[in-house]
Amino acid sequence: MFVTNKRVTLPKTVILSGCQVEVVNSFKLLGVTIDNKLQFTDYVSLVCKSINTKLYSIKRLFYLATSVKIQFFKSFILPYFDYCCSLFIYFPKVMLQKLSNLYYMCLFKLFKFNFDTDVIQANDFLMRYGLFSYQHRLFVRFSTFSHRMYTCEDAPAELNQQIKSNVASLVQEVDSSMALSLRSRQVARSGCSNLKYGELTYGKFFSKIINRCILFTNLFMDQNSFYNFLIDNLNSLFSNFINYFLKFDLLIKNFQYLLDYEKEKRDNKTKQ
């Protein structure tokens, strides 16, 4: 498979080590469909289809208690949103928004949870039920993944060294920037990442998560302490995350129109 956004005519086959190999536009690797433009459209469509199937099955159990339905949601639907989420750093924002919309659709269909545009208020509400907003959930998953890759002895050595090297470089950049700022009496500029392709590598993205959002010094906690640190400081850390990575500043889909439609149907039945 040739990965390119250019409009070029690609060969149908190539010769590798004397063998003729078919050229494809997409293929599935460990359950993730990767296309040659890295748009992940097919993969997101398959995920949405699978989630909708599960959602319909659970929705039929409308008579169950909310706590039971939440457990069903966590067991049978959330894994689809979480699987290989470290790859989400490569997803276009439109695909992330599509998954976000479906996430809030599930919450609405199952529990009638409906939110305005304030993602922090939505997350504070959902945490009462042991859930996160979609945006907060991504941040928590990215952060815990970064922590494991940096501290776990069983982490792949190449990835571990890559992220440690990039974190060290970022620390030096910050130190140099602060020194320059003090000499010139100017505030160092801390502009947001525009997430160009050069910044979308594993090492750079997760190094910046560590350096800009969860802070390097907090990496040396054990996993439970680190997770508790995230939860205790979630809103402030999340604000740093979306300010620096604008791509993940997603909208919350509101389903008031569905509530109005359902109310209108009930009113019509009552009149009849």
C-alpha atoms as a PDB file:
ATOM      1  CA  MET A   1       0.000   0.000   0.000  1.00  0.00           C
ATOM      2  CA  PHE A   2       1.298   3.431  -0.985  1.00  0.00           C
ATOM      3  CA  VAL A   3       0.415   6.094   1.596  1.00  0.00           C
ATOM      4  CA  THR A   4      -0.025   9.417  -0.189  1.00  0.00           C
ATOM      5  CA  ASN A   5      -2.428  12.338  -0.551  1.00  0.00           C
ATOM      6  CA  LYS A   6      -1.187  13.132  -4.037  1.00  0.00           C
ATOM      7  CA  ARG A   7      -3.343  12.454  -7.060  1.00  0.00           C
ATOM      8  CA  VAL A   8      -1.105  10.018  -8.830  1.00  0.00           C
ATOM      9  CA  THR A   9      -1.708   6.814 -10.728  1.00  0.00           C
ATOM     10  CA  LEU A  10      -0.510   3.940  -8.567  1.00  0.00           C
ATOM     11  CA  PRO A  11       0.544   0.567  -9.939  1.00  0.00           C
ATOM     12  CA  LYS A  12      -1.744  -2.407  -9.378  1.00  0.00           C
ATOM     13  CA  THR A  13       1.176  -4.666  -8.461  1.00  0.00           C
ATOM     14  CA  VAL A  14       4.823  -4.314  -7.440  1.00  0.00           C
ATOM     15  CA  ILE A  15       7.734  -6.742  -7.526  1.00  0.00           C
ATOM     16  CA  LEU A  16       9.405  -7.342  -4.140  1.00  0.00           C
ATOM     17  CA  SER A  17      12.256  -9.864  -3.884  1.00  0.00           C
ATOM     18  CA  GLY A  18      11.112 -11.430  -7.109  1.00  0.00           C
ATOM     19  CA  CYS A  19       7.506 -11.828  -5.942  1.00  0.00           C
ATOM     20  CA  GLN A  20       4.531 -10.026  -7.415  1.00  0.00           C
ATOM     21  CA  VAL A  21       2.575  -8.223  -4.658  1.00  0.00           C
ATOM     22  CA  GLU A  22      -0.862  -6.669  -5.102  1.00  0.00           C
ATOM     23  CA  VAL A  23      -1.226  -2.973  -4.291  1.00  0.00           C
ATOM     24  CA  VAL A  24      -4.320  -2.173  -2.176  1.00  0.00           C
ATOM     25  CA  ASN A  25      -6.016   1.041  -1.066  1.00  0.00           C
ATOM     26  CA  SER A  26      -6.690  -0.218   2.465  1.00  0.00           C
ATOM     27  CA  PHE A  27      -6.087  -3.214   4.682  1.00  0.00           C
ATOM     28  CA  LYS A  28      -6.995  -4.356   8.175  1.00  0.00           C
ATOM     29  CA  LEU A  29      -4.244  -4.667  10.787  1.00  0.00           C
ATOM     30  CA  LEU A  30      -5.169  -5.980  14.251  1.00  0.00           C
ATOM     31  CA  GLY A  31      -8.762  -4.910  13.755  1.00  0.00           C
ATOM     32  CA  VAL A  32      -7.962  -1.404  12.470  1.00  0.00           C
ATOM     33  CA  THR A  33      -8.638  -0.586   8.811  1.00  0.00           C
ATOM     34  CA  ILE A  34      -5.847   1.637   7.494  1.00  0.00           C
ATOM     35  CA  ASP A  35      -6.368   3.444   4.199  1.00  0.00           C
ATOM     36  CA  ASN A  36      -3.714   4.871   1.910  1.00  0.00           C
ATOM     37  CA  LYS A  37      -4.679   8.491   2.670  1.00  0.00           C
ATOM     38  CA  LEU A  38      -4.765   7.975   6.454  1.00  0.00           C
ATOM     39  CA  GLN A  39      -8.304   9.344   6.653  1.00  0.00           C
ATOM     40  CA  PHE A  40      -9.547   6.272   8.608  1.00  0.00           C
ATOM     41  CA  THR A  41     -13.012   6.746   7.100  1.00  0.00           C
ATOM     42  CA  ASP A  42     -13.673   3.026   6.625  1.00  0.00           C
ATOM     43  CA  TYR A  43     -12.508   2.191  10.133  1.00  0.00           C
ATOM     44  CA  VAL A  44     -14.691   4.839  11.788  1.00  0.00           C
ATOM     45  CA  SER A  45     -17.685   3.682   9.723  1.00  0.00           C
ATOM     46  CA  LEU A  46     -17.177   0.086  10.880  1.00  0.00           C
ATOM     47  CA  VAL A  47     -16.815   1.209  14.501  1.00  0.00           C
ATOM     48  CA  CYS A  48     -20.006   3.255  14.264  1.00  0.00           C
ATOM     49  CA  LYS A  49     -21.867   0.310  12.752  1.00  0.00           C
ATOM     50  CA  SER A  50     -20.705  -2.045  15.513  1.00  0.00           C
ATOM     51  CA  ILE A  51     -21.597   0.452  18.247  1.00  0.00           C
ATOM     52  CA  ASN A  52     -25.054   1.068  16.804  1.00  0.00           C
ATOM     53  CA  THR A  53     -25.696  -2.676  16.776  1.00  0.00           C
ATOM     54  CA  LYS A  54     -24.714  -2.977  20.451  1.00  0.00           C
ATOM     55  CA  LEU A  55     -26.643   0.165  21.315  1.00  0.00           C
ATOM     56  CA  TYR A  56     -29.828  -1.261  19.837  1.00  0.00           C
ATOM     57  CA  SER A  57     -29.400  -4.488  21.824  1.00  0.00           C
ATOM     58  CA  ILE A  58     -28.885  -2.635  25.105  1.00  0.00           C
ATOM     59  CA  LYS A  59     -31.624  -0.090  24.413  1.00  0.00           C
ATOM     60  CA  ARG A  60     -34.167  -2.907  24.308  1.00  0.00           C
ATOM     61  CA  LEU A  61     -33.368  -3.475  27.988  1.00  0.00           C
ATOM     62  CA  PHE A  62     -34.948  -0.127  28.832  1.00  0.00           C
ATOM     63  CA  TYR A  63     -36.585  -1.551  31.959  1.00  0.00           C
ATOM     64  CA  LEU A  64     -33.221  -2.171  33.686  1.00  0.00           C
ATOM     65  CA  ALA A  65     -31.904   0.117  36.393  1.00  0.00           C
ATOM     66  CA  THR A  66     -29.563   2.928  35.328  1.00  0.00           C
ATOM     67  CA  SER A  67     -26.620   1.364  37.166  1.00  0.00           C
ATOM     68  CA  VAL A  68     -27.077  -1.885  35.244  1.00  0.00           C
ATOM     69  CA  LYS A  69     -27.309  -0.095  31.898  1.00  0.00           C
ATOM     70  CA  ILE A  70     -24.150   1.864  32.735  1.00  0.00           C
ATOM     71  CA  GLN A  71     -22.348  -1.417  33.365  1.00  0.00           C
ATOM     72  CA  PHE A  72     -23.592  -2.714  30.011  1.00  0.00           C
ATOM     73  CA  PHE A  73     -22.407   0.512  28.380  1.00  0.00           C
ATOM     74  CA  LYS A  74     -18.948   0.185  29.945  1.00  0.00           C
ATOM     75  CA  SER A  75     -18.639  -3.495  29.059  1.00  0.00           C
ATOM     76  CA  PHE A  76     -20.038  -3.647  25.532  1.00  0.00           C
ATOM     77  CA  ILE A  77     -19.794  -0.156  24.005  1.00  0.00           C
ATOM     78  CA  LEU A  78     -16.893   1.757  25.576  1.00  0.00           C
ATOM     79  CA  PRO A  79     -14.282  -0.784  24.359  1.00  0.00           C
ATOM     80  CA  TYR A  80     -15.112   0.217  20.773  1.00  0.00           C
ATOM     81  CA  PHE A  81     -14.310   3.847  21.579  1.00  0.00           C
ATOM     82  CA  ASP A  82     -11.106   2.910  23.423  1.00  0.00           C
ATOM     83  CA  TYR A  83      -9.584   0.281  21.140  1.00  0.00           C
ATOM     84  CA  CYS A  84      -6.268   1.467  19.666  1.00  0.00           C
ATOM     85  CA  CYS A  85      -7.069   5.034  20.717  1.00  0.00           C
ATOM     86  CA  SER A  86      -3.360   5.906  20.572  1.00  0.00           C
ATOM     87  CA  LEU A  87      -3.909   5.924  16.796  1.00  0.00           C
ATOM     88  CA  PHE A  88      -6.436   8.742  17.176  1.00  0.00           C
ATOM     89  CA  ILE A  89      -3.579  11.244  17.013  1.00  0.00           C
ATOM     90  CA  TYR A  90      -3.530  10.519  13.252  1.00  0.00           C
ATOM     91  CA  PHE A  91      -7.302  10.848  12.735  1.00  0.00           C
ATOM     92  CA  PRO A  92      -8.656  13.935  10.945  1.00  0.00           C
ATOM     93  CA  LYS A  93     -10.757  16.132  13.210  1.00  0.00           C
ATOM     94  CA  VAL A  94     -13.909  15.315  11.240  1.00  0.00           C
ATOM     95  CA  MET A  95     -13.501  11.610  12.123  1.00  0.00           C
ATOM     96  CA  LEU A  96     -12.895  12.426  15.788  1.00  0.00           C
ATOM     97  CA  GLN A  97     -16.010  14.599  15.779  1.00  0.00           C
ATOM     98  CA  LYS A  98     -18.022  11.756  14.270  1.00  0.00           C
ATOM     99  CA  LEU A  99     -16.952   9.423  17.092  1.00  0.00           C
ATOM    100  CA  SER A 100     -17.685  12.152  19.630  1.00  0.00           C
ATOM    101  CA  ASN A 101     -21.206  12.622  18.249  1.00  0.00           C
ATOM    102  CA  LEU A 102     -21.857   8.894  18.476  1.00  0.00           C
ATOM    103  CA  TYR A 103     -20.560   8.805  22.059  1.00  0.00           C
ATOM    104  CA  TYR A 104     -23.068  11.443  23.151  1.00  0.00           C
ATOM    105  CA  MET A 105     -25.772   9.766  21.102  1.00  0.00           C
ATOM    106  CA  CYS A 106     -25.216   6.575  23.119  1.00  0.00           C
ATOM    107  CA  LEU A 107     -25.510   8.511  26.378  1.00  0.00           C
ATOM    108  CA  PHE A 108     -28.710  10.128  25.157  1.00  0.00           C
ATOM    109  CA  LYS A 109     -30.308   6.929  23.874  1.00  0.00           C
ATOM    110  CA  LEU A 110     -29.489   4.912  26.979  1.00  0.00           C
ATOM    111  CA  PHE A 111     -29.826   7.452  29.784  1.00  0.00           C
ATOM    112  CA  LYS A 112     -31.427  10.595  28.260  1.00  0.00           C
ATOM    113  CA  PHE A 113     -28.261  12.541  29.109  1.00  0.00           C
ATOM    114  CA  ASN A 114     -28.195  15.728  27.043  1.00  0.00           C
ATOM    115  CA  PHE A 115     -25.572  18.465  27.299  1.00  0.00           C
ATOM    116  CA  ASP A 116     -24.917  22.026  26.224  1.00  0.00           C
ATOM    117  CA  THR A 117     -21.601  23.154  24.772  1.00  0.00           C
ATOM    118  CA  ASP A 118     -19.639  23.277  28.051  1.00  0.00           C
ATOM    119  CA  VAL A 119     -17.555  20.102  28.020  1.00  0.00           C
ATOM    120  CA  ILE A 120     -16.256  20.604  31.578  1.00  0.00           C
ATOM    121  CA  GLN A 121     -19.793  20.792  32.975  1.00  0.00           C
ATOM    122  CA  ALA A 122     -20.716  17.695  30.972  1.00  0.00           C
ATOM    123  CA  ASN A 123     -17.727  15.827  32.364  1.00  0.00           C
ATOM    124  CA  ASP A 124     -18.465  16.886  35.960  1.00  0.00           C
ATOM    125  CA  PHE A 125     -21.987  15.502  35.532  1.00  0.00           C
ATOM    126  CA  LEU A 126     -20.830  12.227  33.973  1.00  0.00           C
ATOM    127  CA  MET A 127     -18.211  11.603  36.650  1.00  0.00           C
ATOM    128  CA  ARG A 128     -21.049  11.041  39.120  1.00  0.00           C
ATOM    129  CA  TYR A 129     -21.749   7.881  37.128  1.00  0.00           C
ATOM    130  CA  GLY A 130     -18.110   6.852  36.739  1.00  0.00           C
ATOM    131  CA  LEU A 131     -17.947   8.174  33.158  1.00  0.00           C
ATOM    132  CA  PHE A 132     -16.092  10.951  31.316  1.00  0.00           C
ATOM    133  CA  SER A 133     -16.985  13.257  28.483  1.00  0.00           C
ATOM    134  CA  TYR A 134     -15.573  11.963  25.202  1.00  0.00           C
ATOM    135  CA  GLN A 135     -12.903  14.682  25.128  1.00  0.00           C
ATOM    136  CA  HIS A 136     -11.850  14.063  28.739  1.00  0.00           C
ATOM    137  CA  ARG A 137     -11.775  10.336  28.105  1.00  0.00           C
ATOM    138  CA  LEU A 138      -9.343  10.804  25.230  1.00  0.00           C
ATOM    139  CA  PHE A 139      -7.084  12.928  27.408  1.00  0.00           C
ATOM    140  CA  VAL A 140      -7.096  10.390  30.255  1.00  0.00           C
ATOM    141  CA  ARG A 141      -6.334   7.535  27.836  1.00  0.00           C
ATOM    142  CA  PHE A 142      -3.507   9.482  26.166  1.00  0.00           C
ATOM    143  CA  SER A 143      -2.031  10.452  29.543  1.00  0.00           C
ATOM    144  CA  THR A 144      -2.096   6.977  31.080  1.00  0.00           C
ATOM    145  CA  PHE A 145      -0.682   5.549  27.849  1.00  0.00           C
ATOM    146  CA  SER A 146       2.175   8.067  27.984  1.00  0.00           C
ATOM    147  CA  HIS A 147       2.853   7.173  31.613  1.00  0.00           C
ATOM    148  CA  ARG A 148       3.009   3.447  30.876  1.00  0.00           C
ATOM    149  CA  MET A 149       5.244   3.920  27.850  1.00  0.00           C
ATOM    150  CA  TYR A 150       7.641   6.084  29.865  1.00  0.00           C
ATOM    151  CA  THR A 151       7.803   4.073  33.092  1.00  0.00           C
ATOM    152  CA  CYS A 152       6.876   0.466  32.302  1.00  0.00           C
ATOM    153  CA  GLU A 153       9.862  -1.875  32.035  1.00  0.00           C
ATOM    154  CA  ASP A 154       7.976  -4.021  29.513  1.00  0.00           C
ATOM    155  CA  ALA A 155       7.306  -1.099  27.146  1.00  0.00           C
ATOM    156  CA  PRO A 156       8.813  -1.508  23.648  1.00  0.00           C
ATOM    157  CA  ALA A 157      12.416  -0.322  23.969  1.00  0.00           C
ATOM    158  CA  GLU A 158      12.378   1.734  20.760  1.00  0.00           C
ATOM    159  CA  LEU A 159       9.236   3.644  21.738  1.00  0.00           C
ATOM    160  CA  ASN A 160      10.457   4.102  25.296  1.00  0.00           C
ATOM    161  CA  GLN A 161      13.759   5.601  24.155  1.00  0.00           C
ATOM    162  CA  GLN A 162      12.063   7.758  21.539  1.00  0.00           C
ATOM    163  CA  ILE A 163       9.682   9.341  24.014  1.00  0.00           C
ATOM    164  CA  LYS A 164      12.388   9.845  26.653  1.00  0.00           C
ATOM    165  CA  SER A 165      14.656  11.496  24.110  1.00  0.00           C
ATOM    166  CA  ASN A 166      11.912  13.856  22.954  1.00  0.00           C
ATOM    167  CA  VAL A 167      10.883  14.722  26.522  1.00  0.00           C
ATOM    168  CA  ALA A 168      14.499  15.612  27.347  1.00  0.00           C
ATOM    169  CA  SER A 169      14.672  17.836  24.257  1.00  0.00           C
ATOM    170  CA  LEU A 170      11.442  19.611  25.195  1.00  0.00           C
ATOM    171  CA  VAL A 171      12.688  20.214  28.744  1.00  0.00           C
ATOM    172  CA  GLN A 172      15.837  21.811  27.307  1.00  0.00           C
ATOM    173  CA  GLU A 173      13.711  23.974  24.967  1.00  0.00           C
ATOM    174  CA  VAL A 174      11.603  25.208  27.874  1.00  0.00           C
ATOM    175  CA  ASP A 175      14.696  25.950  29.988  1.00  0.00           C
ATOM    176  CA  SER A 176      16.322  27.854  27.113  1.00  0.00           C
ATOM    177  CA  SER A 177      13.115  29.757  26.408  1.00  0.00           C
ATOM    178  CA  MET A 178      12.766  30.783  30.057  1.00  0.00           C
ATOM    179  CA  ALA A 179      16.384  31.948  30.231  1.00  0.00           C
ATOM    180  CA  LEU A 180      15.934  34.006  27.060  1.00  0.00           C
ATOM    181  CA  SER A 181      12.724  35.468  28.445  1.00  0.00           C
ATOM    182  CA  LEU A 182      14.425  36.579  31.656  1.00  0.00           C
ATOM    183  CA  ARG A 183      17.273  38.249  29.776  1.00  0.00           C
ATOM    184  CA  SER A 184      14.991  40.121  27.392  1.00  0.00           C
ATOM    185  CA  ARG A 185      12.253  40.735  29.994  1.00  0.00           C
ATOM    186  CA  GLN A 186       9.722  39.310  27.588  1.00  0.00           C
ATOM    187  CA  VAL A 187       7.254  36.513  28.178  1.00  0.00           C
ATOM    188  CA  ALA A 188       8.186  33.418  26.208  1.00  0.00           C
ATOM    189  CA  ARG A 189       5.647  32.594  23.517  1.00  0.00           C
ATOM    190  CA  SER A 190       3.831  29.300  24.118  1.00  0.00           C
ATOM    191  CA  GLY A 191       1.880  28.959  20.889  1.00  0.00           C
ATOM    192  CA  CYS A 192      -0.383  26.008  20.181  1.00  0.00           C
ATOM    193  CA  SER A 193       0.694  23.098  18.054  1.00  0.00           C
ATOM    194  CA  ASN A 194      -0.893  23.133  14.607  1.00  0.00           C
ATOM    195  CA  LEU A 195      -0.432  19.371  14.395  1.00  0.00           C
ATOM    196  CA  LYS A 196       1.269  19.297  11.016  1.00  0.00           C
ATOM    197  CA  TYR A 197       2.405  15.885   9.847  1.00  0.00           C
ATOM    198  CA  GLY A 198       5.845  16.384  11.370  1.00  0.00           C
ATOM    199  CA  GLU A 199       4.229  16.807  14.784  1.00  0.00           C
ATOM    200  CA  LEU A 200       1.963  13.784  14.430  1.00  0.00           C
ATOM    201  CA  THR A 201       4.594  11.179  15.180  1.00  0.00           C
ATOM    202  CA  TYR A 202       4.178   9.016  18.243  1.00  0.00           C
ATOM    203  CA  GLY A 203       7.254  10.331  19.997  1.00  0.00           C
ATOM    204  CA  LYS A 204       6.535  14.022  19.502  1.00  0.00           C
ATOM    205  CA  PHE A 205       2.848  13.913  20.338  1.00  0.00           C
ATOM    206  CA  PHE A 206       3.098  11.914  23.540  1.00  0.00           C
ATOM    207  CA  SER A 207       6.239  13.749  24.608  1.00  0.00           C
ATOM    208  CA  LYS A 208       4.273  16.991  24.408  1.00  0.00           C
ATOM    209  CA  ILE A 209       1.438  15.415  26.389  1.00  0.00           C
ATOM    210  CA  ILE A 210       3.984  14.729  29.123  1.00  0.00           C
ATOM    211  CA  ASN A 211       5.807  18.033  28.952  1.00  0.00           C
ATOM    212  CA  ARG A 212       2.916  20.442  28.375  1.00  0.00           C
ATOM    213  CA  CYS A 213      -0.051  18.770  30.053  1.00  0.00           C
ATOM    214  CA  ILE A 214       0.715  16.213  32.756  1.00  0.00           C
ATOM    215  CA  LEU A 215       4.198  17.552  33.610  1.00  0.00           C
ATOM    216  CA  PHE A 216       7.411  15.558  33.592  1.00  0.00           C
ATOM    217  CA  THR A 217       7.805  15.404  37.398  1.00  0.00           C
ATOM    218  CA  ASN A 218       4.489  13.545  37.803  1.00  0.00           C
ATOM    219  CA  LEU A 219       5.664  10.623  35.667  1.00  0.00           C
ATOM    220  CA  PHE A 220       7.510   8.985  38.538  1.00  0.00           C
ATOM    221  CA  MET A 221       4.326   8.103  40.424  1.00  0.00           C
ATOM    222  CA  ASP A 222       3.066   4.523  40.364  1.00  0.00           C
ATOM    223  CA  GLN A 223       0.103   3.849  38.087  1.00  0.00           C
ATOM    224  CA  ASN A 224      -2.597   4.187  40.765  1.00  0.00           C
ATOM    225  CA  SER A 225      -1.127   7.419  42.153  1.00  0.00           C
ATOM    226  CA  PHE A 226      -0.744   8.837  38.654  1.00  0.00           C
ATOM    227  CA  TYR A 227      -4.362   8.034  37.782  1.00  0.00           C
ATOM    228  CA  ASN A 228      -5.564   9.639  41.011  1.00  0.00           C
ATOM    229  CA  PHE A 229      -3.464  12.698  40.182  1.00  0.00           C
ATOM    230  CA  LEU A 230      -5.181  12.923  36.778  1.00  0.00           C
ATOM    231  CA  ILE A 231      -8.656  12.682  38.286  1.00  0.00           C
ATOM    232  CA  ASP A 232      -7.943  15.199  41.046  1.00  0.00           C
ATOM    233  CA  ASN A 233      -6.634  17.767  38.538  1.00  0.00           C
ATOM    234  CA  LEU A 234      -8.605  16.688  35.508  1.00  0.00           C
ATOM    235  CA  ASN A 235     -10.227  19.949  34.444  1.00  0.00           C
ATOM    236  CA  SER A 236      -7.079  22.073  34.653  1.00  0.00           C
ATOM    237  CA  LEU A 237      -4.971  19.426  32.896  1.00  0.00           C
ATOM    238  CA  PHE A 238      -7.639  18.972  30.233  1.00  0.00           C
ATOM    239  CA  SER A 239      -7.731  22.734  29.592  1.00  0.00           C
ATOM    240  CA  ASN A 240      -3.979  22.645  28.930  1.00  0.00           C
ATOM    241  CA  PHE A 241      -4.510  19.710  26.593  1.00  0.00           C
ATOM    242  CA  ILE A 242      -7.131  21.303  24.322  1.00  0.00           C
ATOM    243  CA  ASN A 243      -5.355  24.670  24.362  1.00  0.00           C
ATOM    244  CA  TYR A 244      -2.214  23.029  23.067  1.00  0.00           C
ATOM    245  CA  PHE A 245      -3.781  20.376  20.817  1.00  0.00           C
ATOM    246  CA  LEU A 246      -6.595  22.247  19.083  1.00  0.00           C
ATOM    247  CA  LYS A 247      -7.505  19.202  17.045  1.00  0.00           C
ATOM    248  CA  PHE A 248      -9.103  17.589  20.096  1.00  0.00           C
ATOM    249  CA  ASP A 249     -11.239  20.583  21.022  1.00  0.00           C
ATOM    250  CA  LEU A 250     -14.392  18.818  19.848  1.00  0.00           C
ATOM    251  CA  LEU A 251     -17.990  19.996  19.984  1.00  0.00           C
ATOM    252  CA  ILE A 252     -20.698  18.358  22.081  1.00  0.00           C
ATOM    253  CA  LYS A 253     -23.700  17.290  20.052  1.00  0.00           C
ATOM    254  CA  ASN A 254     -26.984  18.386  21.583  1.00  0.00           C
ATOM    255  CA  PHE A 255     -30.095  16.231  21.119  1.00  0.00           C
ATOM    256  CA  GLN A 256     -32.758  18.706  22.163  1.00  0.00           C
ATOM    257  CA  TYR A 257     -34.423  18.292  18.777  1.00  0.00           C
ATOM    258  CA  LEU A 258     -34.973  14.595  19.550  1.00  0.00           C
ATOM    259  CA  LEU A 259     -36.469  15.439  22.923  1.00  0.00           C
ATOM    260  CA  ASP A 260     -38.820  17.911  21.250  1.00  0.00           C
ATOM    261  CA  TYR A 261     -39.764  15.305  18.645  1.00  0.00           C
ATOM    262  CA  GLU A 262     -40.503  12.664  21.285  1.00  0.00           C
ATOM    263  CA  LYS A 263     -42.563  15.176  23.284  1.00  0.00           C
ATOM    264  CA  GLU A 264     -44.549  16.064  20.179  1.00  0.00           C
ATOM    265  CA  LYS A 265     -45.266  12.375  19.501  1.00  0.00           C
ATOM    266  CA  ARG A 266     -46.493  11.872  23.077  1.00  0.00           C
ATOM    267  CA  ASP A 267     -48.697  14.951  22.842  1.00  0.00           C
ATOM    268  CA  ASN A 268     -50.225  13.714  19.582  1.00  0.00           C
ATOM    269  CA  LYS A 269     -50.965  10.313  21.104  1.00  0.00           C
ATOM    270  CA  THR A 270     -52.597  11.980  24.097  1.00  0.00           C
ATOM    271  CA  LYS A 271     -54.833  14.074  21.822  1.00  0.00           C
ATOM    272  CA  GLN A 272     -55.895  10.994  19.858  1.00  0.00           C
END
